[in-house]
C-alpha cells in the first residue's frame, strides 16, 4: 500500500519539544515505512529533526526504539513496510525512549 494516514505515539520529552499530545496523525506519502513516517514527522514538526535519527546518517538514535503491533521494529531496515494495522490506523507506530543504566 502506498500512502496512508498514520498514528504516531511520541515519548514525553518529544511531545514537550513539539508541543503536542501523546499521539499525532501524519499523512505519509509513498511506501509507508519507518523512514517515510519519520520524514513526515520531521517535515511537520521541524523541531524534532535530529532527535529520533541522526541527521547525517539517517540512522535511529541508540536510545530510541520503534514499535508497531507489539513488535520491536528498531533493528529492521528503515525501508521495511509497516504492518497493515498501522496503515489502516488500527494501531499506532510508536517511538519509545529506551532506558539504559543500572
Protein backbone atom coordinates (compact mmCIF):
# COMPACT_ATOMS: atom_id res chain seq x y z
CA UNK A 1 0.00 0.00 0.00
CA UNK A 2 1.29 3.46 -0.80
CA UNK A 3 0.35 6.45 1.26
CA UNK A 4 -1.65 6.36 4.47
CA UNK A 5 -2.68 8.39 7.47
CA UNK A 6 -0.58 7.04 10.32
CA UNK A 7 -1.00 7.47 14.07
CA UNK A 8 2.34 8.08 15.81
CA UNK A 9 2.85 7.92 19.58
CA UNK A 10 5.71 10.02 20.92
CA UNK A 11 7.62 9.82 24.21
CA UNK A 12 7.06 12.60 26.75
CA UNK A 13 10.24 14.57 26.00
CA UNK A 14 9.46 14.75 22.28
CA UNK A 15 5.83 15.69 22.95
CA UNK A 16 7.01 18.62 25.06
CA UNK A 17 9.52 19.71 22.42
CA UNK A 18 6.90 19.61 19.65
CA UNK A 19 4.07 20.96 21.82
CA UNK A 20 1.75 18.07 21.00
CA UNK A 21 -0.31 15.43 22.78
CA UNK A 22 0.74 11.79 23.15
CA UNK A 23 -0.32 10.92 19.62
CA UNK A 24 -0.07 12.78 16.33
CA UNK A 25 -1.63 11.86 13.00
CA UNK A 26 0.50 12.16 9.88
CA UNK A 27 -0.23 11.82 6.18
CA UNK A 28 2.59 9.67 4.81
CA UNK A 29 3.27 9.68 1.07
CA UNK A 30 4.51 6.66 -0.88
CA UNK A 31 5.53 3.39 0.74
CA UNK A 32 4.81 3.53 4.48
CA UNK A 33 7.94 2.59 6.40
CA UNK A 34 9.76 3.90 9.48
CA UNK A 35 11.77 6.17 7.16
CA UNK A 36 8.71 7.69 5.47
CA UNK A 37 6.92 8.15 8.82
CA UNK A 38 9.98 9.95 10.24
CA UNK A 39 10.24 12.06 7.09
CA UNK A 40 6.60 13.14 7.57
CA UNK A 41 7.12 13.71 11.31
CA UNK A 42 10.21 15.88 10.81
CA UNK A 43 8.53 17.79 7.99
CA UNK A 44 5.51 18.66 10.13
CA UNK A 45 7.50 19.18 13.35
CA UNK A 46 10.93 20.52 12.28
CA UNK A 47 11.98 20.96 15.92
CA UNK A 48 12.19 17.14 16.11
CA UNK A 49 14.86 16.87 13.38
CA UNK A 50 17.85 15.06 14.79
CA UNK A 51 16.07 13.83 17.91
CA UNK A 52 14.89 10.43 16.65
CA UNK A 53 17.53 9.79 13.99
CA UNK A 54 20.92 11.22 13.17
CA UNK A 55 20.59 13.96 10.54
CA UNK A 56 23.73 12.94 8.65
CA UNK A 57 23.33 9.14 8.57
CA UNK A 58 19.52 8.97 8.93
CA UNK A 59 20.03 6.08 11.39
CA UNK A 60 17.91 5.65 14.52
CA UNK A 61 19.46 7.15 17.64
CA UNK A 62 20.78 4.46 20.06
CA UNK A 63 18.28 5.08 22.87
CA UNK A 64 15.23 5.31 20.63
CA UNK A 65 13.09 2.29 19.74
CA UNK A 66 10.28 1.75 17.22
CA UNK A 67 7.29 -0.49 17.89
CA UNK A 68 4.13 -1.42 15.99
CA UNK A 69 1.61 -4.18 16.60
CA UNK A 70 3.54 -5.42 19.66
CA UNK A 71 6.68 -5.89 17.54
CA UNK A 72 10.05 -4.23 18.08
CA UNK A 73 10.95 -2.78 14.68
CA UNK A 74 14.05 -0.98 15.93
CA UNK A 75 16.57 -3.20 14.17
CA UNK A 76 14.63 -3.66 10.94
CA UNK A 77 15.81 -1.76 7.85
CA UNK A 78 14.34 1.75 7.76
CA UNK A 79 12.50 0.98 4.50
CA UNK A 80 10.70 -2.11 5.84
CA UNK A 81 6.95 -1.73 5.18
CA UNK A 82 4.91 -1.16 8.35
CA UNK A 83 2.18 -3.67 9.30
CA UNK A 84 -1.25 -3.31 7.69
CA UNK A 85 -2.82 -2.38 11.06
CA UNK A 86 -0.62 0.75 11.13
CA UNK A 87 -1.61 1.67 7.58
CA UNK A 88 -5.32 1.41 8.41
CA UNK A 89 -4.96 3.41 11.64
CA UNK A 90 -5.97 0.47 13.84
CA UNK A 91 -2.56 0.51 15.56
CA UNK A 92 -0.05 3.35 16.11
CA UNK A 93 3.61 3.48 15.15
CA UNK A 94 5.31 4.06 18.49
CA UNK A 95 8.55 5.92 19.09
CA UNK A 96 9.82 4.97 22.52
CA UNK A 97 12.72 6.34 24.52
CA UNK A 98 14.76 3.37 25.83
CA UNK A 99 16.12 3.31 29.36
CA UNK A 100 19.76 2.48 29.99
CA UNK A 101 21.84 2.08 33.10
CA UNK A 102 21.52 0.06 36.20
